[in-house]
Amino acid sequence: MFLYAPTQTWAQEGVWLKSLIPVFRIENKTGLDENCTGDLMWSNFTYEDEVLGLEPELRMYNAGGCRKNGGGRIKLIAGNKECMSFPVNQDESVKADLIQTNQKKAFLLIRTYKDSANGSSSCKNMWLIGKTGDGFVTYATKATLDQAGLVYDDIVPKVHDGQLEIMSIARCYAMGVNGTRGPIGEKYRGHKIHILDSWYAAANSVYFFWDENAQWFGFRLVE
């Protein structure tokens, strides 16, 4: 069960998050390849002194002379064993980051997103996973963000004050007061919007922190 929200406030004790390191990237558009053949990028990385792999298993199709993702999945491999897999829909891209902590414990954050013609992107799914015993579990998904009250088009993760911050990103199109742009969409009504630049804004953030007692991630919404 990943929808866990403790009532206690977070304190920087025990395991706290230290850094976010990119370990895997798959772009929907993978270059000129008329026959849609060739290997896709896959990744090996060290996780808690163990070598893991993220391997794409995607169908490809041709669009305008470019090879694109037709959908499939990303497999998490330990040794020769498939531990978990994550669905990827057509035309989605994938990012995975290793989350290091102050101790040996580590986590993985995997995201799928879809790019738009205007250069923006939208979050389609997210998984925050980690190892318990001999297996892996999912601590949070996109559903956790929705339940927590995050309002977003896309998301940006970063490690902040020992926690994982998932910041909402709103696309800004309409010219607002004082020459600034404001996000369009009823879902942002009633939220204090923070302008990031001339095209993007943020509404709120969900902070994930490791709860030592529960051995699970707690989360809290920050406007």
N, C-alpha and C. Protein backbone atom coordinates (compact mmCIF):
# COMPACT_ATOMS: atom_id res chain seq x y z
N MET A 1 0.85 -1.20 0.00
CA MET A 1 0.00 0.00 0.00
C MET A 1 0.88 1.23 0.00
N PHE A 2 0.69 2.15 -0.96
CA PHE A 2 1.59 3.28 -1.06
C PHE A 2 0.95 4.59 -0.63
N LEU A 3 -0.35 4.61 -0.34
CA LEU A 3 -1.01 5.86 0.03
C LEU A 3 -0.92 6.05 1.54
N TYR A 4 0.30 6.30 2.02
CA TYR A 4 0.56 6.42 3.45
C TYR A 4 0.92 7.86 3.75
N ALA A 5 0.20 8.51 4.65
CA ALA A 5 0.47 9.90 5.01
C ALA A 5 0.45 10.04 6.53
N PRO A 6 1.60 9.98 7.18
CA PRO A 6 1.64 10.06 8.64
C PRO A 6 1.30 11.46 9.13
N THR A 7 0.87 11.55 10.37
CA THR A 7 0.51 12.85 10.93
C THR A 7 1.72 13.57 11.51
N GLN A 8 2.78 12.85 11.79
CA GLN A 8 3.95 13.48 12.38
C GLN A 8 4.66 14.36 11.38
N THR A 9 5.37 15.38 11.89
CA THR A 9 6.16 16.23 11.02
C THR A 9 7.50 15.57 10.74
N TRP A 10 8.10 15.92 9.61
CA TRP A 10 9.35 15.30 9.23
C TRP A 10 10.51 15.90 10.01
N ALA A 11 11.43 15.07 10.43
CA ALA A 11 12.64 15.54 11.09
C ALA A 11 13.82 14.82 10.45
N GLN A 12 14.93 15.51 10.32
CA GLN A 12 16.08 14.97 9.63
C GLN A 12 16.86 14.04 10.55
N GLU A 13 16.31 12.86 10.79
CA GLU A 13 16.94 11.85 11.60
C GLU A 13 16.92 10.52 10.84
N GLY A 14 17.85 9.63 11.15
CA GLY A 14 17.89 8.35 10.46
C GLY A 14 18.26 8.53 9.01
N VAL A 15 17.49 7.90 8.13
CA VAL A 15 17.76 7.97 6.69
C VAL A 15 17.21 9.28 6.13
N TRP A 16 18.07 10.04 5.49
CA TRP A 16 17.62 11.22 4.76
C TRP A 16 18.24 11.24 3.37
N LEU A 17 17.54 11.83 2.43
CA LEU A 17 17.94 11.79 1.03
C LEU A 17 19.03 12.83 0.76
N LYS A 18 19.97 12.43 -0.11
CA LYS A 18 21.16 13.25 -0.30
C LYS A 18 21.31 13.78 -1.73
N SER A 19 21.02 12.95 -2.73
CA SER A 19 21.25 13.39 -4.11
C SER A 19 20.37 12.61 -5.08
N LEU A 20 20.19 13.19 -6.25
CA LEU A 20 19.38 12.62 -7.33
C LEU A 20 20.28 12.51 -8.55
N ILE A 21 20.55 11.27 -9.00
CA ILE A 21 21.52 11.04 -10.07
C ILE A 21 20.83 10.39 -11.27
N PRO A 22 20.87 11.01 -12.45
CA PRO A 22 20.27 10.38 -13.65
C PRO A 22 20.98 9.08 -13.99
N VAL A 23 20.20 8.02 -14.22
CA VAL A 23 20.78 6.72 -14.58
C VAL A 23 20.19 6.15 -15.87
N PHE A 24 19.11 6.74 -16.38
CA PHE A 24 18.45 6.14 -17.55
C PHE A 24 17.60 7.20 -18.25
N ARG A 25 17.73 7.26 -19.58
CA ARG A 25 16.95 8.19 -20.39
C ARG A 25 16.57 7.53 -21.71
N ILE A 26 15.29 7.58 -22.06
CA ILE A 26 14.82 7.15 -23.36
C ILE A 26 13.95 8.27 -23.93
N GLU A 27 14.35 8.82 -25.06
CA GLU A 27 13.56 9.85 -25.72
C GLU A 27 12.63 9.18 -26.73
N ASN A 28 11.42 9.70 -26.83
CA ASN A 28 10.46 9.16 -27.80
C ASN A 28 11.04 9.16 -29.20
N LYS A 29 11.61 10.27 -29.62
CA LYS A 29 12.23 10.37 -30.95
C LYS A 29 13.69 9.95 -30.83
N THR A 30 14.05 8.85 -31.49
CA THR A 30 15.40 8.30 -31.33
C THR A 30 16.26 8.43 -32.58
N GLY A 31 15.92 9.37 -33.44
CA GLY A 31 16.78 9.64 -34.59
C GLY A 31 16.32 8.98 -35.87
N LEU A 32 17.03 9.25 -36.96
CA LEU A 32 16.67 8.72 -38.26
C LEU A 32 16.93 7.22 -38.33
N ASP A 33 15.91 6.49 -38.63
CA ASP A 33 16.03 5.05 -38.78
C ASP A 33 14.80 4.55 -39.53
N GLU A 34 14.88 4.49 -40.82
CA GLU A 34 13.72 4.18 -41.65
C GLU A 34 13.13 2.81 -41.34
N ASN A 35 13.97 1.86 -40.95
CA ASN A 35 13.48 0.51 -40.69
C ASN A 35 13.13 0.26 -39.23
N CYS A 36 13.29 1.29 -38.41
CA CYS A 36 12.97 1.17 -36.98
C CYS A 36 13.75 0.06 -36.31
N THR A 37 14.97 -0.16 -36.73
CA THR A 37 15.79 -1.22 -36.15
C THR A 37 16.90 -0.62 -35.29
N GLY A 38 17.69 -1.46 -34.70
CA GLY A 38 18.81 -0.98 -33.89
C GLY A 38 18.50 -1.07 -32.41
N ASP A 39 19.56 -1.09 -31.61
CA ASP A 39 19.41 -1.23 -30.17
C ASP A 39 18.98 0.09 -29.53
N LEU A 40 18.14 -0.02 -28.53
CA LEU A 40 17.79 1.12 -27.71
C LEU A 40 18.75 1.19 -26.52
N MET A 41 18.96 2.38 -26.02
CA MET A 41 19.86 2.57 -24.90
C MET A 41 19.31 1.86 -23.66
N TRP A 42 20.18 1.15 -22.96
CA TRP A 42 19.82 0.59 -21.67
C TRP A 42 20.94 0.93 -20.70
N SER A 43 20.72 0.70 -19.42
CA SER A 43 21.63 1.24 -18.41
C SER A 43 21.91 0.24 -17.31
N ASN A 44 23.18 0.19 -16.89
CA ASN A 44 23.58 -0.51 -15.68
C ASN A 44 24.07 0.53 -14.66
N PHE A 45 23.76 0.31 -13.40
CA PHE A 45 24.20 1.25 -12.37
C PHE A 45 24.27 0.50 -11.04
N THR A 46 25.01 1.07 -10.10
CA THR A 46 25.18 0.45 -8.78
C THR A 46 24.11 0.95 -7.83
N TYR A 47 23.43 -0.01 -7.21
CA TYR A 47 22.35 0.29 -6.27
C TYR A 47 22.60 -0.51 -5.00
N GLU A 48 22.93 0.18 -3.90
CA GLU A 48 23.22 -0.50 -2.63
C GLU A 48 24.22 -1.64 -2.82
N ASP A 49 25.32 -1.36 -3.49
CA ASP A 49 26.40 -2.33 -3.74
C ASP A 49 25.99 -3.46 -4.68
N GLU A 50 24.88 -3.32 -5.37
CA GLU A 50 24.42 -4.32 -6.32
C GLU A 50 24.27 -3.66 -7.69
N VAL A 51 24.64 -4.38 -8.73
CA VAL A 51 24.49 -3.84 -10.10
C VAL A 51 23.09 -4.16 -10.61
N LEU A 52 22.35 -3.13 -10.94
CA LEU A 52 21.02 -3.27 -11.52
C LEU A 52 21.03 -2.77 -12.96
N GLY A 53 20.02 -3.17 -13.71
CA GLY A 53 19.89 -2.71 -15.08
C GLY A 53 18.47 -2.26 -15.37
N LEU A 54 18.34 -1.24 -16.19
CA LEU A 54 17.04 -0.82 -16.73
C LEU A 54 17.09 -1.06 -18.23
N GLU A 55 16.20 -1.92 -18.70
CA GLU A 55 16.23 -2.37 -20.09
C GLU A 55 14.90 -2.08 -20.78
N PRO A 56 14.94 -1.35 -21.90
CA PRO A 56 13.69 -1.05 -22.62
C PRO A 56 13.24 -2.23 -23.46
N GLU A 57 11.96 -2.49 -23.44
CA GLU A 57 11.33 -3.48 -24.31
C GLU A 57 10.17 -2.77 -25.00
N LEU A 58 10.50 -2.06 -26.08
CA LEU A 58 9.54 -1.16 -26.72
C LEU A 58 9.37 -1.51 -28.19
N ARG A 59 8.15 -1.38 -28.65
CA ARG A 59 7.89 -1.45 -30.09
C ARG A 59 8.26 -0.09 -30.70
N MET A 60 8.76 -0.11 -31.91
CA MET A 60 9.14 1.13 -32.57
C MET A 60 8.34 1.30 -33.86
N TYR A 61 8.15 2.55 -34.26
CA TYR A 61 7.48 2.82 -35.53
C TYR A 61 8.12 4.04 -36.19
N ASN A 62 7.88 4.17 -37.46
CA ASN A 62 8.48 5.26 -38.23
C ASN A 62 7.47 6.38 -38.42
N ALA A 63 7.89 7.61 -38.19
CA ALA A 63 7.05 8.79 -38.41
C ALA A 63 7.93 9.89 -38.98
N GLY A 64 7.73 10.19 -40.27
CA GLY A 64 8.51 11.25 -40.91
C GLY A 64 9.99 10.98 -40.96
N GLY A 65 10.36 9.72 -41.07
CA GLY A 65 11.79 9.37 -41.14
C GLY A 65 12.45 9.23 -39.79
N CYS A 66 11.69 9.36 -38.71
CA CYS A 66 12.24 9.24 -37.37
C CYS A 66 11.69 8.00 -36.68
N ARG A 67 12.55 7.33 -35.95
CA ARG A 67 12.12 6.18 -35.16
C ARG A 67 11.52 6.68 -33.85
N LYS A 68 10.29 6.22 -33.56
CA LYS A 68 9.60 6.66 -32.35
C LYS A 68 9.11 5.47 -31.54
N ASN A 69 8.84 5.75 -30.27
CA ASN A 69 8.38 4.72 -29.35
C ASN A 69 6.91 4.38 -29.63
N GLY A 70 6.65 3.10 -29.87
CA GLY A 70 5.29 2.65 -30.09
C GLY A 70 4.65 2.02 -28.87
N GLY A 71 5.34 2.07 -27.73
CA GLY A 71 4.79 1.52 -26.49
C GLY A 71 5.45 0.22 -26.08
N GLY A 72 5.34 -0.12 -24.81
CA GLY A 72 5.94 -1.34 -24.28
C GLY A 72 6.18 -1.20 -22.80
N ARG A 73 7.39 -1.51 -22.37
CA ARG A 73 7.70 -1.44 -20.94
C ARG A 73 9.19 -1.26 -20.73
N ILE A 74 9.55 -0.87 -19.51
CA ILE A 74 10.93 -0.80 -19.06
C ILE A 74 11.10 -1.85 -17.96
N LYS A 75 12.11 -2.71 -18.08
CA LYS A 75 12.33 -3.78 -17.12
C LYS A 75 13.47 -3.42 -16.16
N LEU A 76 13.25 -3.70 -14.88
CA LEU A 76 14.30 -3.58 -13.88
C LEU A 76 14.92 -4.95 -13.68
N ILE A 77 16.23 -5.05 -13.92
CA ILE A 77 16.93 -6.33 -13.93
C ILE A 77 17.97 -6.36 -12.81
N ALA A 78 17.97 -7.44 -12.03
CA ALA A 78 19.03 -7.70 -11.05
C ALA A 78 19.63 -9.06 -11.38
N GLY A 79 20.91 -9.07 -11.77
CA GLY A 79 21.51 -10.30 -12.26
C GLY A 79 20.82 -10.70 -13.56
N ASN A 80 20.28 -11.88 -13.62
CA ASN A 80 19.51 -12.30 -14.79
C ASN A 80 18.01 -12.33 -14.51
N LYS A 81 17.61 -11.73 -13.39
CA LYS A 81 16.22 -11.79 -12.96
C LYS A 81 15.51 -10.46 -13.19
N GLU A 82 14.31 -10.55 -13.78
CA GLU A 82 13.48 -9.35 -13.91
C GLU A 82 12.73 -9.13 -12.60
N CYS A 83 12.96 -7.99 -11.98
CA CYS A 83 12.38 -7.69 -10.67
C CYS A 83 11.05 -6.96 -10.77
N MET A 84 10.96 -6.01 -11.66
CA MET A 84 9.75 -5.22 -11.85
C MET A 84 9.73 -4.75 -13.29
N SER A 85 8.56 -4.26 -13.73
CA SER A 85 8.49 -3.61 -15.04
C SER A 85 7.52 -2.44 -14.96
N PHE A 86 7.69 -1.49 -15.86
CA PHE A 86 6.93 -0.25 -15.84
C PHE A 86 6.38 0.03 -17.24
N PRO A 87 5.06 0.17 -17.36
CA PRO A 87 4.48 0.38 -18.69
C PRO A 87 4.85 1.73 -19.28
N VAL A 88 5.09 1.72 -20.58
CA VAL A 88 5.38 2.95 -21.33
C VAL A 88 4.44 2.99 -22.52
N ASN A 89 3.64 4.02 -22.63
CA ASN A 89 2.70 4.14 -23.74
C ASN A 89 3.35 4.75 -24.97
N GLN A 90 2.65 4.69 -26.09
CA GLN A 90 3.17 5.22 -27.35
C GLN A 90 3.53 6.70 -27.21
N ASP A 91 4.68 7.05 -27.77
CA ASP A 91 5.17 8.43 -27.84
C ASP A 91 5.56 9.01 -26.48
N GLU A 92 5.73 8.16 -25.48
CA GLU A 92 6.20 8.64 -24.19
C GLU A 92 7.71 8.49 -24.09
N SER A 93 8.33 9.40 -23.34
CA SER A 93 9.75 9.31 -23.01
C SER A 93 9.88 8.87 -21.56
N VAL A 94 11.10 8.47 -21.17
CA VAL A 94 11.32 7.89 -19.84
C VAL A 94 12.56 8.51 -19.21
N LYS A 95 12.45 8.81 -17.92
CA LYS A 95 13.61 9.23 -17.14
C LYS A 95 13.64 8.42 -15.85
N ALA A 96 14.83 8.00 -15.44
CA ALA A 96 15.00 7.30 -14.17
C ALA A 96 16.19 7.91 -13.44
N ASP A 97 16.02 8.11 -12.14
CA ASP A 97 17.06 8.72 -11.31
C ASP A 97 17.30 7.87 -10.07
N LEU A 98 18.55 7.72 -9.72
CA LEU A 98 18.95 7.04 -8.49
C LEU A 98 18.96 8.05 -7.36
N ILE A 99 18.27 7.74 -6.26
CA ILE A 99 18.25 8.62 -5.10
C ILE A 99 19.18 8.05 -4.05
N GLN A 100 20.26 8.74 -3.79
CA GLN A 100 21.20 8.31 -2.76
C GLN A 100 20.83 8.94 -1.42
N THR A 101 21.17 8.24 -0.35
CA THR A 101 20.88 8.74 0.99
C THR A 101 22.18 8.87 1.79
N ASN A 102 22.04 9.32 3.04
CA ASN A 102 23.20 9.43 3.92
C ASN A 102 23.69 8.07 4.40
N GLN A 103 22.92 7.02 4.13
CA GLN A 103 23.30 5.67 4.50
C GLN A 103 23.37 4.79 3.25
N LYS A 104 23.48 3.50 3.44
CA LYS A 104 23.60 2.59 2.30
C LYS A 104 22.32 2.53 1.49
N LYS A 105 21.19 2.77 2.11
CA LYS A 105 19.88 2.65 1.47
C LYS A 105 19.77 3.60 0.28
N ALA A 106 19.09 3.13 -0.77
CA ALA A 106 18.89 3.94 -1.97
C ALA A 106 17.48 3.70 -2.51
N PHE A 107 17.06 4.56 -3.44
CA PHE A 107 15.75 4.46 -4.05
C PHE A 107 15.87 4.80 -5.53
N LEU A 108 14.83 4.49 -6.28
CA LEU A 108 14.75 4.84 -7.69
C LEU A 108 13.48 5.63 -7.95
N LEU A 109 13.61 6.68 -8.75
CA LEU A 109 12.45 7.45 -9.21
C LEU A 109 12.38 7.32 -10.73
N ILE A 110 11.27 6.77 -11.23
CA ILE A 110 11.07 6.54 -12.66
C ILE A 110 9.87 7.35 -13.11
N ARG A 111 10.01 8.07 -14.23
CA ARG A 111 8.93 8.91 -14.74
C ARG A 111 8.74 8.68 -16.23
N THR A 112 7.50 8.70 -16.68
CA THR A 112 7.21 8.75 -18.11
C THR A 112 6.52 10.08 -18.39
N TYR A 113 6.80 10.64 -19.55
CA TYR A 113 6.23 11.93 -19.90
C TYR A 113 6.07 12.02 -21.42
N LYS A 114 5.25 12.97 -21.83
CA LYS A 114 4.96 13.15 -23.24
C LYS A 114 5.25 14.58 -23.63
N ASP A 115 6.03 14.74 -24.69
CA ASP A 115 6.39 16.07 -25.18
C ASP A 115 5.30 16.61 -26.09
N SER A 116 5.13 17.93 -26.05
CA SER A 116 4.18 18.60 -26.93
C SER A 116 4.92 19.37 -28.01
N ALA A 117 4.18 19.79 -29.02
CA ALA A 117 4.78 20.50 -30.15
C ALA A 117 5.40 21.82 -29.72
N ASN A 118 4.89 22.42 -28.65
CA ASN A 118 5.41 23.72 -28.20
C ASN A 118 6.64 23.59 -27.32
N GLY A 119 7.16 22.39 -27.16
CA GLY A 119 8.38 22.19 -26.37
C GLY A 119 8.13 21.86 -24.92
N SER A 120 6.87 21.89 -24.49
CA SER A 120 6.55 21.53 -23.11
C SER A 120 6.34 20.03 -23.01
N SER A 121 6.16 19.54 -21.80
CA SER A 121 5.90 18.11 -21.62
C SER A 121 4.88 17.93 -20.50
N SER A 122 4.30 16.75 -20.44
CA SER A 122 3.30 16.45 -19.42
C SER A 122 3.63 15.11 -18.77
N CYS A 123 3.48 15.05 -17.45
CA CYS A 123 3.76 13.83 -16.70
C CYS A 123 2.66 12.81 -16.95
N LYS A 124 3.03 11.59 -17.31
CA LYS A 124 2.06 10.53 -17.55
C LYS A 124 2.06 9.49 -16.43
N ASN A 125 3.22 9.22 -15.84
CA ASN A 125 3.27 8.30 -14.71
C ASN A 125 4.55 8.51 -13.93
N MET A 126 4.58 7.97 -12.73
CA MET A 126 5.74 8.10 -11.84
C MET A 126 5.74 6.92 -10.89
N TRP A 127 6.93 6.41 -10.59
CA TRP A 127 7.09 5.34 -9.61
C TRP A 127 8.28 5.67 -8.71
N LEU A 128 8.08 5.64 -7.42
CA LEU A 128 9.14 5.75 -6.43
C LEU A 128 9.29 4.38 -5.81
N ILE A 129 10.42 3.73 -6.05
CA ILE A 129 10.58 2.34 -5.63
C ILE A 129 11.84 2.17 -4.80
N GLY A 130 11.92 1.04 -4.11
CA GLY A 130 13.09 0.71 -3.33
C GLY A 130 13.11 -0.76 -2.99
N LYS A 131 14.21 -1.20 -2.42
CA LYS A 131 14.38 -2.61 -2.12
C LYS A 131 14.07 -2.88 -0.65
N THR A 132 13.30 -3.95 -0.44
CA THR A 132 13.03 -4.43 0.93
C THR A 132 13.29 -5.93 0.95
N GLY A 133 14.25 -6.35 1.74
CA GLY A 133 14.61 -7.77 1.75
C GLY A 133 15.18 -8.18 0.41
N ASP A 134 14.58 -9.18 -0.21
CA ASP A 134 15.07 -9.68 -1.49
C ASP A 134 14.30 -9.12 -2.68
N GLY A 135 13.33 -8.25 -2.44
CA GLY A 135 12.52 -7.74 -3.54
C GLY A 135 12.40 -6.22 -3.52
N PHE A 136 11.66 -5.72 -4.51
CA PHE A 136 11.43 -4.29 -4.64
C PHE A 136 9.95 -3.99 -4.41
N VAL A 137 9.69 -2.80 -3.85
CA VAL A 137 8.32 -2.36 -3.62
C VAL A 137 8.14 -0.97 -4.21
N THR A 138 6.88 -0.61 -4.47
CA THR A 138 6.54 0.72 -4.96
C THR A 138 6.00 1.53 -3.80
N TYR A 139 6.67 2.62 -3.48
CA TYR A 139 6.27 3.48 -2.38
C TYR A 139 5.25 4.54 -2.81
N ALA A 140 5.35 4.99 -4.04
CA ALA A 140 4.45 6.05 -4.50
C ALA A 140 4.36 6.02 -6.02
N THR A 141 3.24 6.49 -6.54
CA THR A 141 3.04 6.63 -7.98
C THR A 141 2.40 7.99 -8.25
N LYS A 142 2.04 8.20 -9.49
CA LYS A 142 1.33 9.42 -9.87
C LYS A 142 0.03 9.56 -9.08
N ALA A 143 -0.60 8.44 -8.75
CA ALA A 143 -1.83 8.48 -7.96
C ALA A 143 -1.59 9.10 -6.59
N THR A 144 -0.38 8.91 -6.03
CA THR A 144 -0.05 9.51 -4.75
C THR A 144 -0.01 11.03 -4.86
N LEU A 145 0.55 11.53 -5.96
CA LEU A 145 0.60 12.98 -6.18
C LEU A 145 -0.80 13.54 -6.28
N ASP A 146 -1.67 12.84 -7.00
CA ASP A 146 -3.04 13.30 -7.17
C ASP A 146 -3.78 13.28 -5.83
N GLN A 147 -3.58 12.23 -5.06
CA GLN A 147 -4.24 12.14 -3.75
C GLN A 147 -3.74 13.22 -2.81
N ALA A 148 -2.46 13.55 -2.89
CA ALA A 148 -1.88 14.56 -2.01
C ALA A 148 -2.38 15.97 -2.35
N GLY A 149 -2.89 16.16 -3.58
CA GLY A 149 -3.40 17.46 -3.97
C GLY A 149 -2.49 18.26 -4.88
N LEU A 150 -1.47 17.62 -5.46
CA LEU A 150 -0.60 18.32 -6.40
C LEU A 150 -1.39 18.67 -7.66
N VAL A 151 -1.25 19.91 -8.14
CA VAL A 151 -1.88 20.31 -9.40
C VAL A 151 -0.76 20.62 -10.39
N TYR A 152 -0.79 19.98 -11.56
CA TYR A 152 0.38 20.04 -12.42
C TYR A 152 0.03 19.64 -13.85
N ASP A 153 0.87 20.09 -14.77
CA ASP A 153 0.94 19.54 -16.11
C ASP A 153 2.11 18.57 -16.16
N ASP A 154 3.27 19.06 -15.70
CA ASP A 154 4.46 18.22 -15.61
C ASP A 154 4.99 18.33 -14.18
N ILE A 155 6.02 17.56 -13.87
CA ILE A 155 6.63 17.60 -12.54
C ILE A 155 8.14 17.71 -12.67
N VAL A 156 8.76 18.29 -11.65
CA VAL A 156 10.22 18.38 -11.57
C VAL A 156 10.64 17.86 -10.20
N PRO A 157 11.47 16.80 -10.16
CA PRO A 157 11.93 16.28 -8.87
C PRO A 157 13.28 16.89 -8.48
N LYS A 158 13.47 17.06 -7.18
CA LYS A 158 14.77 17.46 -6.67
C LYS A 158 14.85 17.06 -5.21
N VAL A 159 16.07 16.89 -4.71
CA VAL A 159 16.28 16.60 -3.31
C VAL A 159 16.48 17.91 -2.58
N HIS A 160 15.67 18.12 -1.54
CA HIS A 160 15.69 19.39 -0.82
C HIS A 160 15.55 19.11 0.68
N ASP A 161 16.55 19.54 1.46
CA ASP A 161 16.50 19.41 2.91
C ASP A 161 16.25 17.97 3.35
N GLY A 162 16.91 17.02 2.67
CA GLY A 162 16.81 15.61 3.05
C GLY A 162 15.57 14.91 2.57
N GLN A 163 14.75 15.59 1.78
CA GLN A 163 13.50 15.03 1.28
C GLN A 163 13.48 15.08 -0.25
N LEU A 164 12.58 14.30 -0.84
CA LEU A 164 12.36 14.35 -2.27
C LEU A 164 11.20 15.31 -2.53
N GLU A 165 11.49 16.41 -3.19
CA GLU A 165 10.45 17.36 -3.55
C GLU A 165 9.99 17.09 -4.99
N ILE A 166 8.70 16.88 -5.17
CA ILE A 166 8.10 16.79 -6.50
C ILE A 166 7.34 18.09 -6.72
N MET A 167 7.89 18.95 -7.54
CA MET A 167 7.31 20.27 -7.76
C MET A 167 6.40 20.26 -8.99
N SER A 168 5.23 20.86 -8.86
CA SER A 168 4.31 20.95 -9.99
C SER A 168 4.82 21.97 -11.00
N ILE A 169 4.58 21.69 -12.27
CA ILE A 169 4.92 22.62 -13.34
C ILE A 169 3.65 22.89 -14.14
N ALA A 170 3.30 24.17 -14.25
CA ALA A 170 2.15 24.60 -15.04
C ALA A 170 2.65 25.31 -16.28
N ARG A 171 2.05 25.00 -17.41
CA ARG A 171 2.40 25.69 -18.65
C ARG A 171 1.66 27.03 -18.70
N CYS A 172 2.36 28.07 -19.10
CA CYS A 172 1.79 29.42 -19.13
C CYS A 172 1.70 29.91 -20.57
N TYR A 173 0.50 30.25 -21.00
CA TYR A 173 0.31 30.72 -22.37
C TYR A 173 -0.28 32.13 -22.42
N ALA A 174 -1.29 32.41 -21.61
CA ALA A 174 -2.02 33.67 -21.71
C ALA A 174 -1.26 34.80 -21.02
N MET A 175 -1.23 35.97 -21.65
CA MET A 175 -0.57 37.12 -21.05
C MET A 175 -1.43 37.64 -19.91
N GLY A 176 -0.82 37.78 -18.73
CA GLY A 176 -1.56 38.22 -17.56
C GLY A 176 -1.23 39.65 -17.19
N VAL A 177 -1.47 40.00 -15.94
CA VAL A 177 -1.23 41.37 -15.48
C VAL A 177 0.25 41.66 -15.44
N ASN A 178 0.59 42.92 -15.64
CA ASN A 178 1.98 43.39 -15.59
C ASN A 178 2.89 42.68 -16.57
N GLY A 179 2.31 42.18 -17.67
CA GLY A 179 3.12 41.56 -18.71
C GLY A 179 3.58 40.16 -18.41
N THR A 180 3.13 39.58 -17.29
CA THR A 180 3.52 38.21 -16.97
C THR A 180 2.51 37.25 -17.57
N ARG A 181 2.92 35.99 -17.66
CA ARG A 181 2.02 34.97 -18.19
C ARG A 181 1.41 34.19 -17.05
N GLY A 182 0.19 33.75 -17.24
CA GLY A 182 -0.50 33.00 -16.21
C GLY A 182 -0.95 31.66 -16.73
N PRO A 183 -0.98 30.62 -15.89
CA PRO A 183 -1.39 29.30 -16.34
C PRO A 183 -2.88 29.26 -16.68
N ILE A 184 -3.22 28.56 -17.74
CA ILE A 184 -4.61 28.39 -18.13
C ILE A 184 -5.11 27.07 -17.57
N GLY A 185 -6.30 27.06 -17.01
CA GLY A 185 -6.87 25.81 -16.53
C GLY A 185 -7.56 25.98 -15.20
N GLU A 186 -8.75 25.43 -15.11
CA GLU A 186 -9.55 25.54 -13.89
C GLU A 186 -8.87 24.87 -12.70
N LYS A 187 -8.03 23.86 -12.96
CA LYS A 187 -7.44 23.13 -11.84
C LYS A 187 -6.50 23.99 -11.01
N TYR A 188 -6.04 25.11 -11.58
CA TYR A 188 -5.14 26.00 -10.85
C TYR A 188 -5.88 27.08 -10.08
N ARG A 189 -7.17 27.17 -10.27
CA ARG A 189 -7.94 28.20 -9.58
C ARG A 189 -7.86 27.99 -8.05
N GLY A 190 -7.59 29.07 -7.34
CA GLY A 190 -7.50 29.01 -5.89
C GLY A 190 -6.11 28.70 -5.36
N HIS A 191 -5.17 28.42 -6.25
CA HIS A 191 -3.80 28.13 -5.84
C HIS A 191 -2.91 29.36 -6.09
N LYS A 192 -1.99 29.59 -5.18
CA LYS A 192 -1.02 30.66 -5.37
C LYS A 192 0.02 30.20 -6.37
N ILE A 193 0.11 30.90 -7.50
CA ILE A 193 1.00 30.49 -8.58
C ILE A 193 2.33 31.23 -8.48
N HIS A 194 3.42 30.49 -8.61
CA HIS A 194 4.76 31.07 -8.58
C HIS A 194 5.32 31.05 -10.00
N ILE A 195 5.57 32.21 -10.56
CA ILE A 195 6.10 32.30 -11.92
C ILE A 195 7.58 31.91 -11.91
N LEU A 196 7.94 30.95 -12.74
CA LEU A 196 9.33 30.49 -12.83
C LEU A 196 10.08 31.22 -13.93
N ASP A 197 9.44 31.38 -15.07
CA ASP A 197 9.99 32.16 -16.17
C ASP A 197 8.82 32.59 -17.04
N SER A 198 9.09 33.01 -18.28
CA SER A 198 8.02 33.56 -19.12
C SER A 198 7.06 32.50 -19.65
N TRP A 199 7.40 31.21 -19.46
CA TRP A 199 6.54 30.15 -20.00
C TRP A 199 6.06 29.14 -18.97
N TYR A 200 6.67 29.11 -17.81
CA TYR A 200 6.33 28.08 -16.83
C TYR A 200 6.11 28.69 -15.45
N ALA A 201 5.26 28.02 -14.68
CA ALA A 201 4.97 28.42 -13.31
C ALA A 201 4.84 27.17 -12.45
N ALA A 202 4.85 27.35 -11.13
CA ALA A 202 4.67 26.25 -10.19
C ALA A 202 3.51 26.60 -9.26
N ALA A 203 2.74 25.58 -8.88
CA ALA A 203 1.61 25.80 -7.99
C ALA A 203 1.91 25.31 -6.58
N ASN A 204 2.38 24.07 -6.45
CA ASN A 204 2.68 23.51 -5.13
C ASN A 204 3.65 22.35 -5.29
N SER A 205 4.01 21.75 -4.17
CA SER A 205 4.97 20.63 -4.17
C SER A 205 4.51 19.56 -3.19
N VAL A 206 4.85 18.31 -3.51
CA VAL A 206 4.69 17.21 -2.56
C VAL A 206 6.09 16.79 -2.11
N TYR A 207 6.29 16.75 -0.81
CA TYR A 207 7.57 16.33 -0.23
C TYR A 207 7.44 14.90 0.29
N PHE A 208 8.36 14.03 -0.14
CA PHE A 208 8.43 12.65 0.35
C PHE A 208 9.61 12.54 1.31
N PHE A 209 9.38 11.93 2.46
CA PHE A 209 10.43 11.74 3.45
C PHE A 209 10.36 10.32 3.99
N TRP A 210 11.52 9.78 4.34
CA TRP A 210 11.58 8.41 4.82
C TRP A 210 11.21 8.36 6.29
N ASP A 211 10.18 7.56 6.63
CA ASP A 211 9.72 7.36 7.99
C ASP A 211 10.38 6.10 8.54
N GLU A 212 11.31 6.28 9.46
CA GLU A 212 12.10 5.16 9.98
C GLU A 212 11.22 4.15 10.73
N ASN A 213 10.23 4.64 11.45
CA ASN A 213 9.37 3.75 12.22
C ASN A 213 8.50 2.88 11.32
N ALA A 214 7.93 3.49 10.30
CA ALA A 214 7.04 2.76 9.39
C ALA A 214 7.81 2.01 8.31
N GLN A 215 9.10 2.36 8.12
CA GLN A 215 9.89 1.80 7.02
C GLN A 215 9.15 2.03 5.70
N TRP A 216 8.70 3.25 5.52
CA TRP A 216 7.92 3.64 4.34
C TRP A 216 8.07 5.14 4.13
N PHE A 217 7.68 5.62 2.95
CA PHE A 217 7.71 7.05 2.71
C PHE A 217 6.43 7.72 3.20
N GLY A 218 6.59 8.78 3.96
CA GLY A 218 5.49 9.68 4.25
C GLY A 218 5.53 10.82 3.24
N PHE A 219 4.47 11.57 3.15
CA PHE A 219 4.44 12.71 2.23
C PHE A 219 3.59 13.83 2.79
N ARG A 220 3.89 15.04 2.34
CA ARG A 220 3.13 16.22 2.76
C ARG A 220 3.08 17.21 1.61
N LEU A 221 1.98 17.94 1.52
CA LEU A 221 1.78 18.93 0.47
C LEU A 221 2.19 20.30 0.99
N VAL A 222 2.95 21.03 0.17
CA VAL A 222 3.37 22.40 0.51
C VAL A 222 2.91 23.33 -0.60
N GLU A 223 2.11 24.33 -0.27
CA GLU A 223 1.64 25.31 -1.25
C GLU A 223 2.71 26.39 -1.43
